[in-house]
C-alpha atoms as a PDB file:
ATOM      1  CA  MET A   1      87.327 108.066  78.314  1.00  0.00           C
ATOM      2  CA  THR A   2      87.776 111.000  80.653  1.00  0.00           C
ATOM      3  CA  PRO A   3      91.052 111.640  82.504  1.00  0.00           C
ATOM      4  CA  TYR A   4      89.333 110.549  85.734  1.00  0.00           C
ATOM      5  CA  GLU A   5      88.258 107.255  84.204  1.00  0.00           C
ATOM      6  CA  LEU A   6      91.750 106.701  82.858  1.00  0.00           C
ATOM      7  CA  ARG A   7      93.296 107.361  86.253  1.00  0.00           C
ATOM      8  CA  PHE A   8      90.850 104.961  87.878  1.00  0.00           C
ATOM      9  CA  GLU A   9      91.663 102.268  85.305  1.00  0.00           C
ATOM     10  CA  ILE A  10      95.369 102.704  86.037  1.00  0.00           C
ATOM     11  CA  PHE A  11      94.624 102.464  89.759  1.00  0.00           C
ATOM     12  CA  LYS A  12      92.661  99.233  89.221  1.00  0.00           C
ATOM     13  CA  GLN A  13      95.479  97.777  87.131  1.00  0.00           C
ATOM     14  CA  ALA A  14      98.013  98.620  89.835  1.00  0.00           C
ATOM     15  CA  TYR A  15      95.817  97.018  92.496  1.00  0.00           C
ATOM     16  CA  ASN A  16      95.297  93.900  90.398  1.00  0.00           C
ATOM     17  CA  MET A  17      99.024  93.534  89.718  1.00  0.00           C
ATOM     18  CA  LEU A  18      99.927  93.793  93.401  1.00  0.00           C
ATOM     19  CA  ASN A  19      97.044  91.559  94.442  1.00  0.00           C
ATOM     20  CA  ASP A  20      98.200  88.902  91.968  1.00  0.00           C
ATOM     21  CA  GLN A  21     101.750  89.129  93.346  1.00  0.00           C
ATOM     22  CA  PHE A  22     100.376  88.784  96.879  1.00  0.00           C
ATOM     23  CA  SER A  23      98.282  85.753  95.927  1.00  0.00           C
ATOM     24  CA  VAL A  24     101.234  83.972  94.347  1.00  0.00           C
ATOM     25  CA  GLY A  25     103.442  84.739  97.349  1.00  0.00           C
ATOM     26  CA  TYR A  26     100.756  83.637  99.798  1.00  0.00           C
ATOM     27  CA  ASP A  27     100.056  80.395  97.951  1.00  0.00           C
ATOM     28  CA  THR A  28     103.778  79.681  97.749  1.00  0.00           C
ATOM     29  CA  ALA A  29     104.182  80.267 101.496  1.00  0.00           C
ATOM     30  CA  VAL A  30     101.201  78.026 102.282  1.00  0.00           C
ATOM     31  CA  ARG A  31     102.636  75.251 100.157  1.00  0.00           C
ATOM     32  CA  TRP A  32     106.100  75.683 101.652  1.00  0.00           C
ATOM     33  CA  ASN A  33     104.910  75.858 105.274  1.00  0.00           C
ATOM     34  CA  GLU A  34     101.911  73.535 105.392  1.00  0.00           C
ATOM     35  CA  VAL A  35     102.263  71.053 102.560  1.00  0.00           C
ATOM     36  CA  GLU A  36     106.012  70.635 102.170  1.00  0.00           C
ATOM     37  CA  LYS A  37     106.715  71.205 105.901  1.00  0.00           C
ATOM     38  CA  LYS A  38     110.210  72.544 105.276  1.00  0.00           C
ATOM     39  CA  GLU A  39     112.557  73.072 108.229  1.00  0.00           C
ATOM     40  CA  VAL A  40     112.855  76.817 107.639  1.00  0.00           C
ATOM     41  CA  PRO A  41     109.395  78.397 107.393  1.00  0.00           C
ATOM     42  CA  MET A  42     108.681  80.945 104.690  1.00  0.00           C
ATOM     43  CA  ASP A  43     107.272  84.306 105.735  1.00  0.00           C
ATOM     44  CA  TYR A  44     103.810  85.174 104.487  1.00  0.00           C
ATOM     45  CA  PRO A  45     103.675  88.308 102.316  1.00  0.00           C
ATOM     46  CA  GLU A  46     101.905  91.447 103.453  1.00  0.00           C
ATOM     47  CA  PHE A  47      98.757  92.488 101.641  1.00  0.00           C
ATOM     48  CA  PRO A  48      99.367  95.555  99.443  1.00  0.00           C
ATOM     49  CA  THR A  49      98.633  98.871 101.114  1.00  0.00           C
ATOM     50  CA  LEU A  50      97.068 101.904  99.486  1.00  0.00           C
ATOM     51  CA  GLU A  51     100.529 103.488  99.448  1.00  0.00           C
ATOM     52  CA  ASN A  52     101.909 100.501  97.510  1.00  0.00           C
ATOM     53  CA  VAL A  53      99.036 100.656  95.030  1.00  0.00           C
ATOM     54  CA  LEU A  54      99.508 104.384  94.460  1.00  0.00           C
ATOM     55  CA  LYS A  55     103.256 103.914  93.854  1.00  0.00           C
ATOM     56  CA  GLN A  56     102.551 101.132  91.355  1.00  0.00           C
ATOM     57  CA  ALA A  57      99.910 103.277  89.634  1.00  0.00           C
ATOM     58  CA  GLU A  58     102.450 106.076  89.303  1.00  0.00           C
ATOM     59  CA  ILE A  59     104.943 103.678  87.717  1.00  0.00           C
ATOM     60  CA  ILE A  60     102.308 102.507  85.233  1.00  0.00           C
ATOM     61  CA  ASN A  61     101.240 106.077  84.472  1.00  0.00           C
ATOM     62  CA  ASP A  62     104.838 107.169  83.892  1.00  0.00           C
ATOM     63  CA  PHE A  63     105.333 104.288  81.476  1.00  0.00           C
ATOM     64  CA  VAL A  64     102.103 104.961  79.602  1.00  0.00           C
ATOM     65  CA  SER A  65     102.795 108.705  79.437  1.00  0.00           C
ATOM     66  CA  SER A  66     106.376 108.406  78.178  1.00  0.00           C
ATOM     67  CA  LYS A  67     107.114 108.800  74.488  1.00  0.00           C
END
């Protein structure tokens, strides 16, 4: 695996992690707001931005690169 492929794999992992977090938060908000009909509505999460993905990728890379 080349360094470019490795970086892209880390980027994909970061995106998948944040996308999974978004999906859980969104599903929770839907259930809270539409199914449970609670008095205080829950805010819907924001979809991860490229900046968020790059920060997460850096965190993963730092962890993988540490000894």
